[in-house]
Protein backbone atom coordinates (compact mmCIF):
# COMPACT_ATOMS: atom_id res chain seq x y z
CA UNK A 1 35.97 -9.12 5.54
CA UNK A 2 34.18 -5.83 4.83
CA UNK A 3 31.61 -7.35 2.58
CA UNK A 4 31.08 -10.83 4.99
CA UNK A 5 30.12 -7.99 7.47
CA UNK A 6 28.15 -6.14 5.97
CA UNK A 7 26.12 -9.37 4.58
CA UNK A 8 25.99 -11.02 7.88
CA UNK A 9 24.52 -7.61 9.61
CA UNK A 10 22.29 -7.80 6.55
CA UNK A 11 21.05 -11.28 7.26
CA UNK A 12 20.77 -10.37 10.99
CA UNK A 13 18.50 -7.86 10.10
CA UNK A 14 16.36 -9.70 8.16
CA UNK A 15 16.06 -12.87 10.99
CA UNK A 16 15.32 -10.12 13.39
CA UNK A 17 12.08 -8.74 10.78
CA UNK A 18 11.08 -11.70 10.71
CA UNK A 19 10.75 -12.69 14.59
CA UNK A 20 9.78 -9.49 14.71
CA UNK A 21 6.45 -10.35 11.78
CA UNK A 22 5.78 -13.47 14.19
CA UNK A 23 5.35 -11.79 17.36
CA UNK A 24 3.61 -9.11 15.96
CA UNK A 25 0.83 -11.62 14.89
CA UNK A 26 0.56 -12.92 18.81
CA UNK A 27 0.51 -8.87 19.71
CA UNK A 28 -2.32 -8.67 17.36
CA UNK A 29 -4.55 -11.60 18.51
CA UNK A 30 -3.79 -10.65 21.74
CA UNK A 31 -5.01 -6.87 21.36
CA UNK A 32 -8.05 -7.78 19.09
CA UNK A 33 -8.49 -10.58 22.44
CA UNK A 34 -8.87 -7.73 24.89
CA UNK A 35 -10.17 -5.29 23.01
CA UNK A 36 -13.19 -8.16 22.39
CA UNK A 37 -13.18 -9.05 26.16
CA UNK A 38 -11.52 -12.38 25.80
CA UNK A 39 -7.85 -13.57 25.94
CA UNK A 40 -6.34 -14.38 22.94
CA UNK A 41 -3.70 -17.18 22.43
CA UNK A 42 -2.68 -18.12 25.91
CA UNK A 43 -2.14 -21.88 26.32
CA UNK A 44 1.24 -22.92 24.10
CA UNK A 45 3.40 -21.45 26.33
CA UNK A 46 3.86 -19.02 29.01
CA UNK A 47 1.10 -16.44 28.32
CA UNK A 48 0.81 -17.61 24.39
CA UNK A 49 4.64 -16.94 23.91
CA UNK A 50 4.93 -20.32 21.74
CA UNK A 51 2.30 -19.59 19.48
CA UNK A 52 3.74 -18.00 16.16
CA UNK A 53 6.18 -20.66 16.53
CA UNK A 54 2.99 -22.92 16.56
CA UNK A 55 1.46 -20.84 13.82
CA UNK A 56 4.67 -21.41 11.84
CA UNK A 57 4.93 -25.26 11.97
CA UNK A 58 1.43 -25.56 11.28
CA UNK A 59 1.84 -23.51 8.35
CA UNK A 60 4.87 -24.96 6.53
CA UNK A 61 4.20 -28.81 7.37
CA UNK A 62 0.32 -28.58 5.55
CA UNK A 63 0.33 -29.91 2.12
CA UNK A 64 0.27 -27.16 -0.68
CA UNK A 65 -2.41 -27.17 -2.93
CA UNK A 66 -2.42 -25.80 -5.89
CA UNK A 67 -5.10 -24.82 -8.56
CA UNK A 68 -5.54 -27.39 -11.23
CA UNK A 69 -5.85 -24.27 -13.57
CA UNK A 70 -3.84 -21.96 -12.39
CA UNK A 71 -0.49 -20.57 -13.73
CA UNK A 72 1.64 -23.34 -11.24
CA UNK A 73 5.61 -21.02 -11.74
CA UNK A 74 3.67 -17.26 -10.95
CA UNK A 75 1.13 -18.99 -8.45
CA UNK A 76 4.43 -19.88 -6.77
CA UNK A 77 6.52 -17.17 -7.37
CA UNK A 78 3.79 -14.48 -5.89
CA UNK A 79 4.09 -15.18 -2.26
CA UNK A 80 8.36 -15.22 -2.46
CA UNK A 81 7.97 -11.98 -4.03
CA UNK A 82 5.77 -10.35 -1.35
CA UNK A 83 8.11 -11.47 1.31
CA UNK A 84 11.43 -10.38 -0.36
CA UNK A 85 10.10 -6.83 -1.48
CA UNK A 86 9.53 -5.81 2.08
CA UNK A 87 12.86 -7.38 3.40
CA UNK A 88 14.80 -5.63 0.43
CA UNK A 89 13.03 -2.29 1.14
CA UNK A 90 14.50 -2.18 5.14
CA UNK A 91 18.52 -2.33 3.76
CA UNK A 92 18.44 1.35 3.20
CA UNK A 93 16.71 2.40 7.43
CA UNK A 94 19.96 3.56 8.64
CA UNK A 95 19.42 1.59 12.29
CA UNK A 96 22.66 0.89 14.24
CA UNK A 97 24.78 -1.51 12.18
CA UNK A 98 22.99 -1.79 9.25
CA UNK A 99 21.59 -0.01 6.17
CA UNK A 100 23.34 1.13 2.91
CA UNK A 101 24.36 4.33 2.56
CA UNK A 102 22.70 5.32 -0.34
CA UNK A 103 21.72 9.03 -1.52
CA UNK A 104 18.23 8.05 -2.93
CA UNK A 105 16.91 6.32 -0.60
CA UNK A 106 13.69 7.48 -0.27
CA UNK A 107 13.48 7.14 -4.10
CA UNK A 108 14.05 3.32 -3.81
CA UNK A 109 11.53 3.23 -0.93
CA UNK A 110 9.15 4.56 -4.11
CA UNK A 111 10.58 1.50 -6.18
CA UNK A 112 9.99 -1.06 -4.15
CA UNK A 113 6.23 0.21 -2.80
CA UNK A 114 5.20 0.31 -6.21
CA UNK A 115 6.78 -3.24 -7.08
CA UNK A 116 4.38 -4.33 -4.16
CA UNK A 117 2.15 -4.01 -6.13
CA UNK A 118 2.93 -7.10 -8.91
CA UNK A 119 2.83 -9.87 -5.99
CA UNK A 120 -0.34 -9.06 -5.57
CA UNK A 121 -1.73 -8.48 -8.31
CA UNK A 122 -0.06 -12.35 -10.02
CA UNK A 123 -1.42 -13.93 -6.81
CA UNK A 124 -5.22 -12.73 -7.59
CA UNK A 125 -4.58 -13.44 -11.23
CA UNK A 126 -2.39 -16.87 -11.58
CA UNK A 127 -4.61 -18.07 -9.22
CA UNK A 128 -7.33 -18.47 -12.08
CA UNK A 129 -10.04 -17.81 -9.25
CA UNK A 130 -12.97 -14.92 -9.66
CA UNK A 131 -12.53 -14.32 -6.56
CA UNK A 132 -8.95 -14.13 -6.59
CA UNK A 133 -8.92 -12.03 -9.24
CA UNK A 134 -11.46 -9.41 -8.31
CA UNK A 135 -9.66 -8.79 -4.55
CA UNK A 136 -6.17 -8.50 -6.95
CA UNK A 137 -7.49 -5.94 -8.85
CA UNK A 138 -8.59 -4.19 -5.68
CA UNK A 139 -5.90 -4.04 -4.10
CA UNK A 140 -3.94 -2.62 -7.54
CA UNK A 141 -6.53 0.20 -7.61
CA UNK A 142 -5.95 0.95 -3.85
CA UNK A 143 -2.13 0.68 -3.37
CA UNK A 144 -1.50 3.02 -6.70
CA UNK A 145 -4.73 5.56 -5.60
CA UNK A 146 -2.92 5.39 -2.32
CA UNK A 147 0.65 5.33 -3.47
CA UNK A 148 0.10 8.80 -5.19
CA UNK A 149 -0.94 10.69 -1.58
CA UNK A 150 2.22 8.54 0.22
CA UNK A 151 4.82 10.28 -2.25
CA UNK A 152 3.26 13.70 -2.08
CA UNK A 153 3.74 13.74 2.01
CA UNK A 154 7.56 12.16 1.46
CA UNK A 155 7.86 14.69 -1.36
CA UNK A 156 6.63 17.47 1.38
CA UNK A 157 9.06 16.39 3.89
CA UNK A 158 11.65 16.50 0.96
CA UNK A 159 11.03 20.37 0.15
CA UNK A 160 12.44 20.77 3.88
CA UNK A 161 15.13 18.53 3.93
CA UNK A 162 16.41 18.96 0.55
CA UNK A 163 17.83 15.58 0.14
CA UNK A 164 16.66 12.28 -0.74
CA UNK A 165 19.38 10.47 1.69
CA UNK A 166 17.57 8.19 4.11
CA UNK A 167 21.31 9.11 6.64
CA UNK A 168 20.57 12.42 6.38
CA UNK A 169 17.32 11.95 7.95
CA UNK A 170 18.12 9.42 10.18
CA UNK A 171 20.67 11.15 12.30
CA UNK A 172 19.85 15.00 11.73
CA UNK A 173 16.30 15.73 10.80
CA UNK A 174 13.97 17.15 13.62
CA UNK A 175 12.01 19.24 11.08
CA UNK A 176 9.76 15.99 11.26
CA UNK A 177 8.45 17.62 14.54
CA UNK A 178 7.07 20.49 12.90
CA UNK A 179 5.02 18.84 10.38
CA UNK A 180 2.98 16.96 12.76
CA UNK A 181 0.59 18.10 11.74
CA UNK A 182 0.57 15.76 8.67
CA UNK A 183 0.84 12.78 10.59
CA UNK A 184 -3.02 11.93 10.44
CA UNK A 185 -2.53 11.58 6.78
CA UNK A 186 -0.03 9.58 6.59
CA UNK A 187 -1.51 7.19 9.38
CA UNK A 188 -4.82 7.31 7.05
CA UNK A 189 -2.41 6.46 3.89
CA UNK A 190 -0.15 3.90 5.11
CA UNK A 191 -3.54 1.89 6.54
CA UNK A 192 -4.94 2.51 2.78
CA UNK A 193 -1.56 1.40 0.94
CA UNK A 194 -0.80 -1.41 3.98
CA UNK A 195 -4.59 -2.94 2.95
CA UNK A 196 -5.86 -3.02 6.69
CA UNK A 197 -8.49 -2.08 8.11
CA UNK A 198 -11.01 -0.35 7.92
CA UNK A 199 -9.42 -0.70 4.01
CA UNK A 200 -8.88 -4.49 3.92
CA UNK A 201 -11.30 -4.15 0.89
CA UNK A 202 -8.70 -6.72 -1.50
CA UNK A 203 -9.25 -8.86 2.05
CA UNK A 204 -13.26 -8.64 2.17
CA UNK A 205 -14.33 -12.17 3.41
CA UNK A 206 -18.03 -11.48 3.43
CA UNK A 207 -17.39 -9.71 0.01
CA UNK A 208 -14.77 -11.96 -1.67
CA UNK A 209 -13.77 -15.18 0.57
CA UNK A 210 -10.69 -13.80 1.07
CA UNK A 211 -9.86 -11.96 -1.70
CA UNK A 212 -6.03 -12.72 -3.63
CA UNK A 213 -5.46 -15.20 -1.22
CA UNK A 214 -8.61 -17.66 -1.80
CA UNK A 215 -6.38 -20.01 -3.47
CA UNK A 216 -3.48 -20.39 -1.26
CA UNK A 217 -2.64 -22.96 1.34
CA UNK A 218 0.42 -23.92 3.42
CA UNK A 219 3.87 -22.19 2.58
CA UNK A 220 2.60 -19.68 -0.13
CA UNK A 221 -0.15 -18.77 2.48
CA UNK A 222 2.67 -18.05 4.88
CA UNK A 223 4.55 -16.45 2.82
CA UNK A 224 1.94 -13.88 1.58
CA UNK A 225 1.23 -13.02 5.47
CA UNK A 226 4.90 -12.84 6.27
CA UNK A 227 4.83 -9.90 3.78
CA UNK A 228 2.00 -8.06 4.66
CA UNK A 229 3.42 -7.77 8.67
CA UNK A 230 6.79 -7.28 7.41
CA UNK A 231 5.48 -4.35 5.18
CA UNK A 232 3.27 -3.03 8.17
CA UNK A 233 6.77 -3.06 10.20
CA UNK A 234 8.62 -1.58 7.13
CA UNK A 235 6.10 1.86 7.01
CA UNK A 236 5.87 1.98 11.17
CA UNK A 237 9.68 2.16 10.93
CA UNK A 238 9.05 4.91 7.71
CA UNK A 239 6.91 6.49 10.29
CA UNK A 240 9.10 7.00 12.68
CA UNK A 241 12.28 8.28 10.25
CA UNK A 242 9.84 10.48 9.12
CA UNK A 243 8.30 11.99 12.34
CA UNK A 244 10.84 11.03 14.61
CA UNK A 245 13.95 11.05 12.34
CA UNK A 246 16.77 12.39 14.78
CA UNK A 247 16.25 9.61 17.65
CA UNK A 248 17.04 6.68 14.90
CA UNK A 249 19.91 5.72 17.87
CA UNK A 250 18.17 6.29 21.28
CA UNK A 251 16.48 3.57 23.61
CA UNK A 252 12.98 5.61 22.68
CA UNK A 253 12.75 4.93 18.85
CA UNK A 254 11.87 1.28 19.45
CA UNK A 255 9.06 2.25 21.39
CA UNK A 256 7.64 4.91 18.68
CA UNK A 257 8.06 2.27 16.44
CA UNK A 258 6.29 -0.19 18.37
CA UNK A 259 3.86 2.65 18.43
CA UNK A 260 3.22 2.55 14.90
CA UNK A 261 2.52 -0.83 14.53
CA UNK A 262 0.36 -0.73 17.17
CA UNK A 263 -2.01 1.61 15.34
CA UNK A 264 -2.76 -0.41 12.84
CA UNK A 265 -4.27 -3.27 15.33
CA UNK A 266 -5.62 -0.44 17.69
CA UNK A 267 -7.72 0.53 13.80
CA UNK A 268 -8.61 -2.59 13.29
CA UNK A 269 -9.95 -3.26 16.66
CA UNK A 270 -12.28 0.48 16.34
CA UNK A 271 -13.25 1.03 13.36
CA UNK A 272 -16.11 -0.82 10.52
CA UNK A 273 -14.62 -1.30 7.43
CA UNK A 274 -15.47 1.15 4.76
CA UNK A 275 -17.64 0.47 0.86
CA UNK A 276 -15.12 0.41 -2.13
CA UNK A 277 -16.00 3.57 -3.03
CA UNK A 278 -15.76 5.03 0.08
CA UNK A 279 -11.99 4.31 -0.20
CA UNK A 280 -11.26 6.08 -3.73
CA UNK A 281 -12.95 8.74 -2.91
CA UNK A 282 -10.66 9.33 0.07
CA UNK A 283 -7.81 9.12 -1.42
CA UNK A 284 -8.20 10.97 -4.58
CA UNK A 285 -11.15 13.83 -3.77
CA UNK A 286 -10.22 14.76 -0.21
CA UNK A 287 -6.50 13.91 0.59
CA UNK A 288 -4.61 14.72 -2.84
CA UNK A 289 -6.86 18.13 -3.59
CA UNK A 290 -5.71 18.93 0.01
CA UNK A 291 -2.31 18.12 0.21
CA UNK A 292 -1.53 19.62 -3.24
CA UNK A 293 -3.08 22.81 -1.91
CA UNK A 294 -0.25 22.33 0.81
CA UNK A 295 2.37 21.60 -1.31
CA UNK A 296 1.75 25.03 -2.94
CA UNK A 297 1.43 26.84 0.10
CA UNK A 298 4.92 24.97 1.69
CA UNK A 299 6.70 26.15 -1.60
CA UNK A 300 5.82 29.68 -1.31
CA UNK A 301 7.14 29.84 2.11
CA UNK A 302 10.35 28.30 1.59
CA UNK A 303 10.92 30.73 -1.87
CA UNK A 304 9.70 33.22 1.22
CA UNK A 305 12.86 32.20 3.79
CA UNK A 306 14.99 31.28 1.06
């Protein structure tokens, strides 16, 4: 009976994530509309509230085209992997009645974020298109670069918490508030890791048509972007746990979660796309050296304290 309740909890969580993804796309279109002094979706249902369901029906009933010279099996599996990996990582997040009690939750998150590279690379490579291939290579280089910086930020927190268990962070930690200066670095890193504006070089439509997803349509296109928006909500949740962990069961926590999601939309509406060399320089020549220096300083502080 306990296992049935556990499985039902995960199913409810996944359904909730997928519904949140659907309405996050509506929120994005609304925010971008109002920042451009226009309405955004407002025809389907009351104030456009049914627009995500109309988009889902359109995409899942559209004919799914498979390129003749593509690697068909990998071409079809890659979008499923793109959605499956963020959903798996949601399982270890300590939120209300769900969440695995796993002592190495953050290491599991590291592995899951690393696996996300494969879905983007395989989707571009298996399409057998030069635009898709260039987009997937860009995505791999970008995600690897920013994963290093993301790991360094998390390691700084682990020095203070002394645990990889996300439950410990979620229910007892307020030390993240003392590391708020890292928040600006963290926001930059999650934008780069999620390949969102101004770091959306893997989907640069002015250069690559649509990047790694150029050849996808219908269900494949829908799954890829459900995975992308699921990853955005996942990174927003991780941001909340890092910096405001002890609030995880309070009524304010969903507001903080949606604020971090809003930051993605805010950045897209505000900043222009950077050049690819600037993207790489930011990760390897600015963020990483400064974080390494900060790590050494904090290690010295810990040695003095203990």
